[in-house]
């Protein structure tokens, strides 16, 4: 994942996010605080967010493969959580 340091600076954030709450705050400020400083409300903090957050909820990087709690490989496409998300979507 990449985050523009100049945009972090422009919206008053001095470090990279380390938690989901901090990441959410970055996205909120990128959306509402004009990070590119062009005077327009034209930025969206969530571009591609689903790809970056999958791992936080056990879905891996988009390949369907992730490291499980024992250090082995797991497949997210067959998990109950994945299936529930597909049903709710």
PDB file of N, CA and C in Angstrom:
ATOM      1  N   UNK A   1       0.843  -1.161   0.000  1.00  0.00           N
ATOM      2  CA  UNK A   1       0.000   0.000   0.000  1.00  0.00           C
ATOM      3  C   UNK A   1       0.894   1.230   0.000  1.00  0.00           C
ATOM      4  N   UNK A   2       0.482   2.246  -0.677  1.00  0.00           N
ATOM      5  CA  UNK A   2       1.214   3.499  -0.691  1.00  0.00           C
ATOM      6  C   UNK A   2       0.337   4.651  -0.244  1.00  0.00           C
ATOM      7  N   UNK A   3       0.935   5.556   0.500  1.00  0.00           N
ATOM      8  CA  UNK A   3       0.240   6.768   0.939  1.00  0.00           C
ATOM      9  C   UNK A   3       1.166   7.941   0.664  1.00  0.00           C
ATOM     10  N   UNK A   4       0.644   8.969   0.030  1.00  0.00           N
ATOM     11  CA  UNK A   4       1.466  10.142  -0.290  1.00  0.00           C
ATOM     12  C   UNK A   4       1.807  10.935   0.965  1.00  0.00           C
ATOM     13  N   UNK A   5       3.102  11.075   1.239  1.00  0.00           N
ATOM     14  CA  UNK A   5       3.550  11.820   2.416  1.00  0.00           C
ATOM     15  C   UNK A   5       3.147  13.284   2.325  1.00  0.00           C
ATOM     16  N   UNK A   6       3.231  13.875   1.154  1.00  0.00           N
ATOM     17  CA  UNK A   6       2.844  15.279   1.029  1.00  0.00           C
ATOM     18  C   UNK A   6       1.370  15.469   1.372  1.00  0.00           C
ATOM     19  N   UNK A   7       0.523  14.508   1.038  1.00  0.00           N
ATOM     20  CA  UNK A   7      -0.891  14.605   1.396  1.00  0.00           C
ATOM     21  C   UNK A   7      -1.080  14.446   2.897  1.00  0.00           C
ATOM     22  N   UNK A   8      -0.339  13.516   3.514  1.00  0.00           N
ATOM     23  CA  UNK A   8      -0.412  13.388   4.970  1.00  0.00           C
ATOM     24  C   UNK A   8      -0.050  14.722   5.624  1.00  0.00           C
ATOM     25  N   UNK A   9       1.040  15.314   5.159  1.00  0.00           N
ATOM     26  CA  UNK A   9       1.461  16.617   5.683  1.00  0.00           C
ATOM     27  C   UNK A   9       0.372  17.667   5.483  1.00  0.00           C
ATOM     28  N   UNK A  10      -0.222  17.690   4.291  1.00  0.00           N
ATOM     29  CA  UNK A  10      -1.230  18.702   3.958  1.00  0.00           C
ATOM     30  C   UNK A  10      -2.488  18.610   4.807  1.00  0.00           C
ATOM     31  N   UNK A  11      -2.791  17.406   5.323  1.00  0.00           N
ATOM     32  CA  UNK A  11      -3.996  17.260   6.154  1.00  0.00           C
ATOM     33  C   UNK A  11      -3.653  17.146   7.639  1.00  0.00           C
ATOM     34  N   UNK A  12      -2.396  17.399   7.991  1.00  0.00           N
ATOM     35  CA  UNK A  12      -2.000  17.475   9.398  1.00  0.00           C
ATOM     36  C   UNK A  12      -1.746  16.152  10.088  1.00  0.00           C
ATOM     37  N   UNK A  13      -1.361  15.134   9.332  1.00  0.00           N
ATOM     38  CA  UNK A  13      -1.028  13.835   9.932  1.00  0.00           C
ATOM     39  C   UNK A  13       0.477  13.650   9.815  1.00  0.00           C
ATOM     40  N   UNK A  14       1.132  13.344  10.944  1.00  0.00           N
ATOM     41  CA  UNK A  14       2.596  13.311  10.950  1.00  0.00           C
ATOM     42  C   UNK A  14       3.211  11.919  10.963  1.00  0.00           C
ATOM     43  N   UNK A  15       2.376  10.857  10.895  1.00  0.00           N
ATOM     44  CA  UNK A  15       2.932   9.508  10.845  1.00  0.00           C
ATOM     45  C   UNK A  15       2.008   8.600  10.042  1.00  0.00           C
ATOM     46  N   UNK A  16       2.561   7.503   9.558  1.00  0.00           N
ATOM     47  CA  UNK A  16       1.748   6.534   8.833  1.00  0.00           C
ATOM     48  C   UNK A  16       0.761   5.868   9.776  1.00  0.00           C
ATOM     49  N   UNK A  17      -0.424   5.524   9.283  1.00  0.00           N
ATOM     50  CA  UNK A  17      -1.400   4.861  10.149  1.00  0.00           C
ATOM     51  C   UNK A  17      -0.923   3.466  10.540  1.00  0.00           C
ATOM     52  N   UNK A  18      -1.192   3.099  11.801  1.00  0.00           N
ATOM     53  CA  UNK A  18      -0.792   1.782  12.299  1.00  0.00           C
ATOM     54  C   UNK A  18      -1.991   0.933  12.717  1.00  0.00           C
ATOM     55  N   UNK A  19      -3.165   1.534  12.799  1.00  0.00           N
ATOM     56  CA  UNK A  19      -4.380   0.806  13.166  1.00  0.00           C
ATOM     57  C   UNK A  19      -5.460   1.116  12.135  1.00  0.00           C
ATOM     58  N   UNK A  20      -6.534   0.327  12.163  1.00  0.00           N
ATOM     59  CA  UNK A  20      -7.649   0.601  11.258  1.00  0.00           C
ATOM     60  C   UNK A  20      -8.289   1.950  11.562  1.00  0.00           C
ATOM     61  N   UNK A  21      -8.358   2.320  12.839  1.00  0.00           N
ATOM     62  CA  UNK A  21      -8.920   3.626  13.194  1.00  0.00           C
ATOM     63  C   UNK A  21      -8.069   4.768  12.638  1.00  0.00           C
ATOM     64  N   UNK A  22      -6.751   4.633  12.733  1.00  0.00           N
ATOM     65  CA  UNK A  22      -5.867   5.665  12.178  1.00  0.00           C
ATOM     66  C   UNK A  22      -5.987   5.714  10.657  1.00  0.00           C
ATOM     67  N   UNK A  23      -6.093   4.560  10.015  1.00  0.00           N
ATOM     68  CA  UNK A  23      -6.253   4.513   8.563  1.00  0.00           C
ATOM     69  C   UNK A  23      -7.573   5.160   8.152  1.00  0.00           C
ATOM     70  N   UNK A  24      -8.626   4.894   8.903  1.00  0.00           N
ATOM     71  CA  UNK A  24      -9.914   5.516   8.627  1.00  0.00           C
ATOM     72  C   UNK A  24      -9.808   7.039   8.716  1.00  0.00           C
ATOM     73  N   UNK A  25      -9.069   7.527   9.711  1.00  0.00           N
ATOM     74  CA  UNK A  25      -8.890   8.978   9.862  1.00  0.00           C
ATOM     75  C   UNK A  25      -8.137   9.561   8.677  1.00  0.00           C
ATOM     76  N   UNK A  26      -7.125   8.853   8.184  1.00  0.00           N
ATOM     77  CA  UNK A  26      -6.402   9.303   6.984  1.00  0.00           C
ATOM     78  C   UNK A  26      -7.370   9.411   5.811  1.00  0.00           C
ATOM     79  N   UNK A  27      -8.170   8.372   5.592  1.00  0.00           N
ATOM     80  CA  UNK A  27      -9.121   8.387   4.477  1.00  0.00           C
ATOM     81  C   UNK A  27     -10.142   9.508   4.626  1.00  0.00           C
ATOM     82  N   UNK A  28     -10.609   9.737   5.862  1.00  0.00           N
ATOM     83  CA  UNK A  28     -11.574  10.815   6.104  1.00  0.00           C
ATOM     84  C   UNK A  28     -10.957  12.173   5.770  1.00  0.00           C
ATOM     85  N   UNK A  29      -9.741  12.393   6.231  1.00  0.00           N
ATOM     86  CA  UNK A  29      -9.089  13.680   5.949  1.00  0.00           C
ATOM     87  C   UNK A  29      -8.753  13.824   4.472  1.00  0.00           C
ATOM     88  N   UNK A  30      -8.355  12.736   3.817  1.00  0.00           N
ATOM     89  CA  UNK A  30      -8.097  12.808   2.379  1.00  0.00           C
ATOM     90  C   UNK A  30      -9.376  13.165   1.621  1.00  0.00           C
ATOM     91  N   UNK A  31     -10.518  12.723   2.116  1.00  0.00           N
ATOM     92  CA  UNK A  31     -11.788  13.011   1.449  1.00  0.00           C
ATOM     93  C   UNK A  31     -12.258  14.438   1.703  1.00  0.00           C
ATOM     94  N   UNK A  32     -12.112  14.937   2.933  1.00  0.00           N
ATOM     95  CA  UNK A  32     -12.740  16.206   3.302  1.00  0.00           C
ATOM     96  C   UNK A  32     -11.787  17.383   3.510  1.00  0.00           C
ATOM     97  N   UNK A  33     -10.472  17.172   3.518  1.00  0.00           N
ATOM     98  CA  UNK A  33      -9.541  18.252   3.860  1.00  0.00           C
ATOM     99  C   UNK A  33      -8.636  18.684   2.704  1.00  0.00           C
ATOM    100  N   UNK A  34      -9.030  18.414   1.470  1.00  0.00           N
ATOM    101  CA  UNK A  34      -8.314  18.906   0.285  1.00  0.00           C
ATOM    102  C   UNK A  34      -6.805  18.602   0.314  1.00  0.00           C
ATOM    103  N   UNK A  35      -6.428  17.312   0.315  1.00  0.00           N
ATOM    104  CA  UNK A  35      -5.014  16.952   0.434  1.00  0.00           C
ATOM    105  C   UNK A  35      -4.143  17.444  -0.715  1.00  0.00           C
ATOM    106  N   UNK A  36      -4.705  17.604  -1.909  1.00  0.00           N
ATOM    107  CA  UNK A  36      -3.899  18.092  -3.040  1.00  0.00           C
ATOM    108  C   UNK A  36      -3.872  19.614  -3.119  1.00  0.00           C
ATOM    109  N   UNK A  37      -4.591  20.253  -2.216  1.00  0.00           N
ATOM    110  CA  UNK A  37      -4.610  21.713  -2.066  1.00  0.00           C
ATOM    111  C   UNK A  37      -4.926  22.460  -3.366  1.00  0.00           C
ATOM    112  N   UNK A  38      -5.920  21.947  -4.081  1.00  0.00           N
ATOM    113  CA  UNK A  38      -6.334  22.643  -5.301  1.00  0.00           C
ATOM    114  C   UNK A  38      -7.597  23.472  -5.097  1.00  0.00           C
ATOM    115  N   UNK A  39      -8.084  23.517  -3.846  1.00  0.00           N
ATOM    116  CA  UNK A  39      -9.258  24.313  -3.542  1.00  0.00           C
ATOM    117  C   UNK A  39     -10.574  23.681  -3.962  1.00  0.00           C
ATOM    118  N   UNK A  40     -10.555  22.417  -4.380  1.00  0.00           N
ATOM    119  CA  UNK A  40     -11.768  21.733  -4.823  1.00  0.00           C
ATOM    120  C   UNK A  40     -12.036  20.519  -3.936  1.00  0.00           C
ATOM    121  N   UNK A  41     -13.309  20.189  -3.799  1.00  0.00           N
ATOM    122  CA  UNK A  41     -13.713  18.991  -3.071  1.00  0.00           C
ATOM    123  C   UNK A  41     -13.793  17.843  -4.076  1.00  0.00           C
ATOM    124  N   UNK A  42     -12.624  17.325  -4.478  1.00  0.00           N
ATOM    125  CA  UNK A  42     -12.599  16.345  -5.566  1.00  0.00           C
ATOM    126  C   UNK A  42     -11.766  15.098  -5.261  1.00  0.00           C
ATOM    127  N   UNK A  43     -11.469  14.840  -3.996  1.00  0.00           N
ATOM    128  CA  UNK A  43     -10.658  13.679  -3.648  1.00  0.00           C
ATOM    129  C   UNK A  43     -11.507  12.669  -2.880  1.00  0.00           C
ATOM    130  N   UNK A  44     -11.185  11.386  -3.025  1.00  0.00           N
ATOM    131  CA  UNK A  44     -11.882  10.306  -2.336  1.00  0.00           C
ATOM    132  C   UNK A  44     -10.844   9.440  -1.642  1.00  0.00           C
ATOM    133  N   UNK A  45     -10.948   9.311  -0.329  1.00  0.00           N
ATOM    134  CA  UNK A  45      -9.960   8.571   0.442  1.00  0.00           C
ATOM    135  C   UNK A  45     -10.044   7.071   0.304  1.00  0.00           C
ATOM    136  N   UNK A  46     -11.082   6.543  -0.293  1.00  0.00           N
ATOM    137  CA  UNK A  46     -11.275   5.099  -0.296  1.00  0.00           C
ATOM    138  C   UNK A  46     -10.899   4.367  -1.553  1.00  0.00           C
ATOM    139  N   UNK A  47     -10.145   4.940  -2.450  1.00  0.00           N
ATOM    140  CA  UNK A  47      -9.806   4.266  -3.704  1.00  0.00           C
ATOM    141  C   UNK A  47      -9.051   2.972  -3.436  1.00  0.00           C
ATOM    142  N   UNK A  48      -9.629   1.853  -3.811  1.00  0.00           N
ATOM    143  CA  UNK A  48      -8.973   0.566  -3.639  1.00  0.00           C
ATOM    144  C   UNK A  48      -8.913   0.062  -2.211  1.00  0.00           C
ATOM    145  N   UNK A  49      -9.658   0.686  -1.319  1.00  0.00           N
ATOM    146  CA  UNK A  49      -9.560   0.331   0.102  1.00  0.00           C
ATOM    147  C   UNK A  49      -9.850  -1.138   0.354  1.00  0.00           C
ATOM    148  N   UNK A  50     -10.776  -1.726  -0.408  1.00  0.00           N
ATOM    149  CA  UNK A  50     -11.121  -3.114  -0.151  1.00  0.00           C
ATOM    150  C   UNK A  50      -9.920  -4.032  -0.329  1.00  0.00           C
ATOM    151  N   UNK A  51      -9.017  -3.695  -1.216  1.00  0.00           N
ATOM    152  CA  UNK A  51      -7.833  -4.532  -1.409  1.00  0.00           C
ATOM    153  C   UNK A  51      -6.913  -4.480  -0.205  1.00  0.00           C
ATOM    154  N   UNK A  52      -6.803  -3.318   0.424  1.00  0.00           N
ATOM    155  CA  UNK A  52      -5.885  -3.153   1.541  1.00  0.00           C
ATOM    156  C   UNK A  52      -6.437  -3.697   2.852  1.00  0.00           C
ATOM    157  N   UNK A  53      -7.735  -3.677   3.020  1.00  0.00           N
ATOM    158  CA  UNK A  53      -8.314  -4.078   4.297  1.00  0.00           C
ATOM    159  C   UNK A  53      -8.672  -5.556   4.373  1.00  0.00           C
ATOM    160  N   UNK A  54      -8.601  -6.274   3.276  1.00  0.00           N
ATOM    161  CA  UNK A  54      -8.961  -7.695   3.307  1.00  0.00           C
ATOM    162  C   UNK A  54      -8.150  -8.460   4.337  1.00  0.00           C
ATOM    163  N   UNK A  55      -6.867  -8.203   4.398  1.00  0.00           N
ATOM    164  CA  UNK A  55      -6.011  -8.920   5.331  1.00  0.00           C
ATOM    165  C   UNK A  55      -6.382  -8.694   6.779  1.00  0.00           C
ATOM    166  N   UNK A  56      -6.875  -7.502   7.098  1.00  0.00           N
ATOM    167  CA  UNK A  56      -7.256  -7.194   8.474  1.00  0.00           C
ATOM    168  C   UNK A  56      -8.435  -8.043   8.935  1.00  0.00           C
ATOM    169  N   UNK A  57      -9.205  -8.559   7.998  1.00  0.00           N
ATOM    170  CA  UNK A  57     -10.366  -9.364   8.339  1.00  0.00           C
ATOM    171  C   UNK A  57     -10.241 -10.808   7.865  1.00  0.00           C
ATOM    172  N   UNK A  58      -9.004 -11.231   7.541  1.00  0.00           N
ATOM    173  CA  UNK A  58      -8.757 -12.624   7.204  1.00  0.00           C
ATOM    174  C   UNK A  58      -9.033 -13.002   5.772  1.00  0.00           C
ATOM    175  N   UNK A  59      -9.103 -12.040   4.871  1.00  0.00           N
ATOM    176  CA  UNK A  59      -9.397 -12.359   3.482  1.00  0.00           C
ATOM    177  C   UNK A  59      -8.173 -12.373   2.578  1.00  0.00           C
ATOM    178  N   UNK A  60      -6.985 -12.162   3.099  1.00  0.00           N
ATOM    179  CA  UNK A  60      -5.792 -12.200   2.264  1.00  0.00           C
ATOM    180  C   UNK A  60      -5.679 -10.986   1.366  1.00  0.00           C
ATOM    181  N   UNK A  61      -4.825 -11.084   0.369  1.00  0.00           N
ATOM    182  CA  UNK A  61      -4.490  -9.937  -0.479  1.00  0.00           C
ATOM    183  C   UNK A  61      -5.261  -9.903  -1.782  1.00  0.00           C
ATOM    184  N   UNK A  62      -6.314 -10.632  -1.880  1.00  0.00           N
ATOM    185  CA  UNK A  62      -7.068 -10.664  -3.125  1.00  0.00           C
ATOM    186  C   UNK A  62      -6.868 -11.967  -3.867  1.00  0.00           C
ATOM    187  N   UNK A  63      -5.869 -12.737  -3.447  1.00  0.00           N
ATOM    188  CA  UNK A  63      -5.608 -14.022  -4.089  1.00  0.00           C
ATOM    189  C   UNK A  63      -6.429 -15.121  -3.458  1.00  0.00           C
ATOM    190  N   UNK A  64      -7.005 -14.848  -2.274  1.00  0.00           N
ATOM    191  CA  UNK A  64      -7.748 -15.866  -1.552  1.00  0.00           C
ATOM    192  C   UNK A  64      -6.867 -16.696  -0.640  1.00  0.00           C
ATOM    193  N   UNK A  65      -5.570 -16.428  -0.636  1.00  0.00           N
ATOM    194  CA  UNK A  65      -4.623 -17.163   0.201  1.00  0.00           C
ATOM    195  C   UNK A  65      -4.083 -16.213   1.255  1.00  0.00           C
ATOM    196  N   UNK A  66      -4.006 -16.678   2.497  1.00  0.00           N
ATOM    197  CA  UNK A  66      -3.503 -15.841   3.572  1.00  0.00           C
ATOM    198  C   UNK A  66      -2.734 -16.707   4.566  1.00  0.00           C
ATOM    199  N   UNK A  67      -1.954 -16.070   5.423  1.00  0.00           N
ATOM    200  CA  UNK A  67      -1.253 -16.789   6.489  1.00  0.00           C
ATOM    201  C   UNK A  67      -2.203 -16.965   7.659  1.00  0.00           C
ATOM    202  N   UNK A  68      -2.403 -18.205   8.099  1.00  0.00           N
ATOM    203  CA  UNK A  68      -3.301 -18.437   9.224  1.00  0.00           C
ATOM    204  C   UNK A  68      -2.574 -18.234  10.548  1.00  0.00           C
ATOM    205  N   UNK A  69      -3.330 -18.400  11.654  1.00  0.00           N
ATOM    206  CA  UNK A  69      -2.769 -18.126  12.977  1.00  0.00           C
ATOM    207  C   UNK A  69      -1.633 -19.074  13.362  1.00  0.00           C
ATOM    208  N   UNK A  70      -1.496 -20.203  12.689  1.00  0.00           N
ATOM    209  CA  UNK A  70      -0.411 -21.142  12.972  1.00  0.00           C
ATOM    210  C   UNK A  70       0.780 -20.952  12.038  1.00  0.00           C
ATOM    211  N   UNK A  71       0.702 -19.972  11.152  1.00  0.00           N
ATOM    212  CA  UNK A  71       1.785 -19.734  10.211  1.00  0.00           C
ATOM    213  C   UNK A  71       1.664 -20.526   8.924  1.00  0.00           C
ATOM    214  N   UNK A  72       0.566 -21.248   8.778  1.00  0.00           N
ATOM    215  CA  UNK A  72       0.320 -22.005   7.547  1.00  0.00           C
ATOM    216  C   UNK A  72      -0.460 -21.168   6.542  1.00  0.00           C
ATOM    217  N   UNK A  73      -0.848 -21.786   5.452  1.00  0.00           N
ATOM    218  CA  UNK A  73      -1.634 -21.093   4.439  1.00  0.00           C
ATOM    219  C   UNK A  73      -3.099 -21.439   4.586  1.00  0.00           C
ATOM    220  N   UNK A  74      -3.934 -20.444   4.398  1.00  0.00           N
ATOM    221  CA  UNK A  74      -5.376 -20.652   4.442  1.00  0.00           C
ATOM    222  C   UNK A  74      -6.011 -20.116   3.177  1.00  0.00           C
ATOM    223  N   UNK A  75      -7.219 -20.569   2.899  1.00  0.00           N
ATOM    224  CA  UNK A  75      -7.972 -20.104   1.735  1.00  0.00           C
ATOM    225  C   UNK A  75      -9.202 -19.342   2.219  1.00  0.00           C
ATOM    226  N   UNK A  76      -9.301 -18.063   1.879  1.00  0.00           N
ATOM    227  CA  UNK A  76     -10.405 -17.250   2.373  1.00  0.00           C
ATOM    228  C   UNK A  76     -11.721 -17.545   1.674  1.00  0.00           C
ATOM    229  N   UNK A  77     -11.683 -18.068   0.466  1.00  0.00           N
ATOM    230  CA  UNK A  77     -12.919 -18.226  -0.296  1.00  0.00           C
ATOM    231  C   UNK A  77     -13.862 -19.268   0.276  1.00  0.00           C
ATOM    232  N   UNK A  78     -13.368 -20.154   1.115  1.00  0.00           N
ATOM    233  CA  UNK A  78     -14.226 -21.174   1.694  1.00  0.00           C
ATOM    234  C   UNK A  78     -14.626 -20.908   3.124  1.00  0.00           C
ATOM    235  N   UNK A  79     -14.207 -19.777   3.693  1.00  0.00           N
ATOM    236  CA  UNK A  79     -14.510 -19.523   5.100  1.00  0.00           C
ATOM    237  C   UNK A  79     -15.952 -19.076   5.283  1.00  0.00           C
ATOM    238  N   UNK A  80     -16.438 -19.296   6.467  1.00  0.00           N
ATOM    239  CA  UNK A  80     -17.801 -18.881   6.800  1.00  0.00           C
ATOM    240  C   UNK A  80     -17.938 -17.365   6.703  1.00  0.00           C
ATOM    241  N   UNK A  81     -16.927 -16.623   7.161  1.00  0.00           N
ATOM    242  CA  UNK A  81     -16.977 -15.164   7.104  1.00  0.00           C
ATOM    243  C   UNK A  81     -17.061 -14.689   5.654  1.00  0.00           C
ATOM    244  N   UNK A  82     -16.266 -15.285   4.772  1.00  0.00           N
ATOM    245  CA  UNK A  82     -16.289 -14.893   3.364  1.00  0.00           C
ATOM    246  C   UNK A  82     -17.666 -15.157   2.767  1.00  0.00           C
ATOM    247  N   UNK A  83     -18.217 -16.332   3.045  1.00  0.00           N
ATOM    248  CA  UNK A  83     -19.521 -16.662   2.488  1.00  0.00           C
ATOM    249  C   UNK A  83     -20.607 -15.732   3.038  1.00  0.00           C
ATOM    250  N   UNK A  84     -20.522 -15.385   4.324  1.00  0.00           N
ATOM    251  CA  UNK A  84     -21.510 -14.470   4.910  1.00  0.00           C
ATOM    252  C   UNK A  84     -21.430 -13.099   4.252  1.00  0.00           C
ATOM    253  N   UNK A  85     -20.224 -12.635   3.995  1.00  0.00           N
ATOM    254  CA  UNK A  85     -20.057 -11.335   3.329  1.00  0.00           C
ATOM    255  C   UNK A  85     -20.625 -11.367   1.915  1.00  0.00           C
ATOM    256  N   UNK A  86     -20.479 -12.490   1.228  1.00  0.00           N
ATOM    257  CA  UNK A  86     -21.035 -12.600  -0.124  1.00  0.00           C
ATOM    258  C   UNK A  86     -22.562 -12.574  -0.073  1.00  0.00           C
ATOM    259  N   UNK A  87     -23.131 -13.208   0.925  1.00  0.00           N
ATOM    260  CA  UNK A  87     -24.590 -13.233   1.056  1.00  0.00           C
ATOM    261  C   UNK A  87     -25.108 -11.841   1.395  1.00  0.00           C
ATOM    262  N   UNK A  88     -24.399 -11.117   2.264  1.00  0.00           N
ATOM    263  CA  UNK A  88     -24.848  -9.797   2.702  1.00  0.00           C
ATOM    264  C   UNK A  88     -24.596  -8.703   1.665  1.00  0.00           C
ATOM    265  N   UNK A  89     -23.686  -8.957   0.731  1.00  0.00           N
ATOM    266  CA  UNK A  89     -23.308  -7.918  -0.254  1.00  0.00           C
ATOM    267  C   UNK A  89     -24.399  -7.655  -1.248  1.00  0.00           C
TER     268      UNK A  89
END
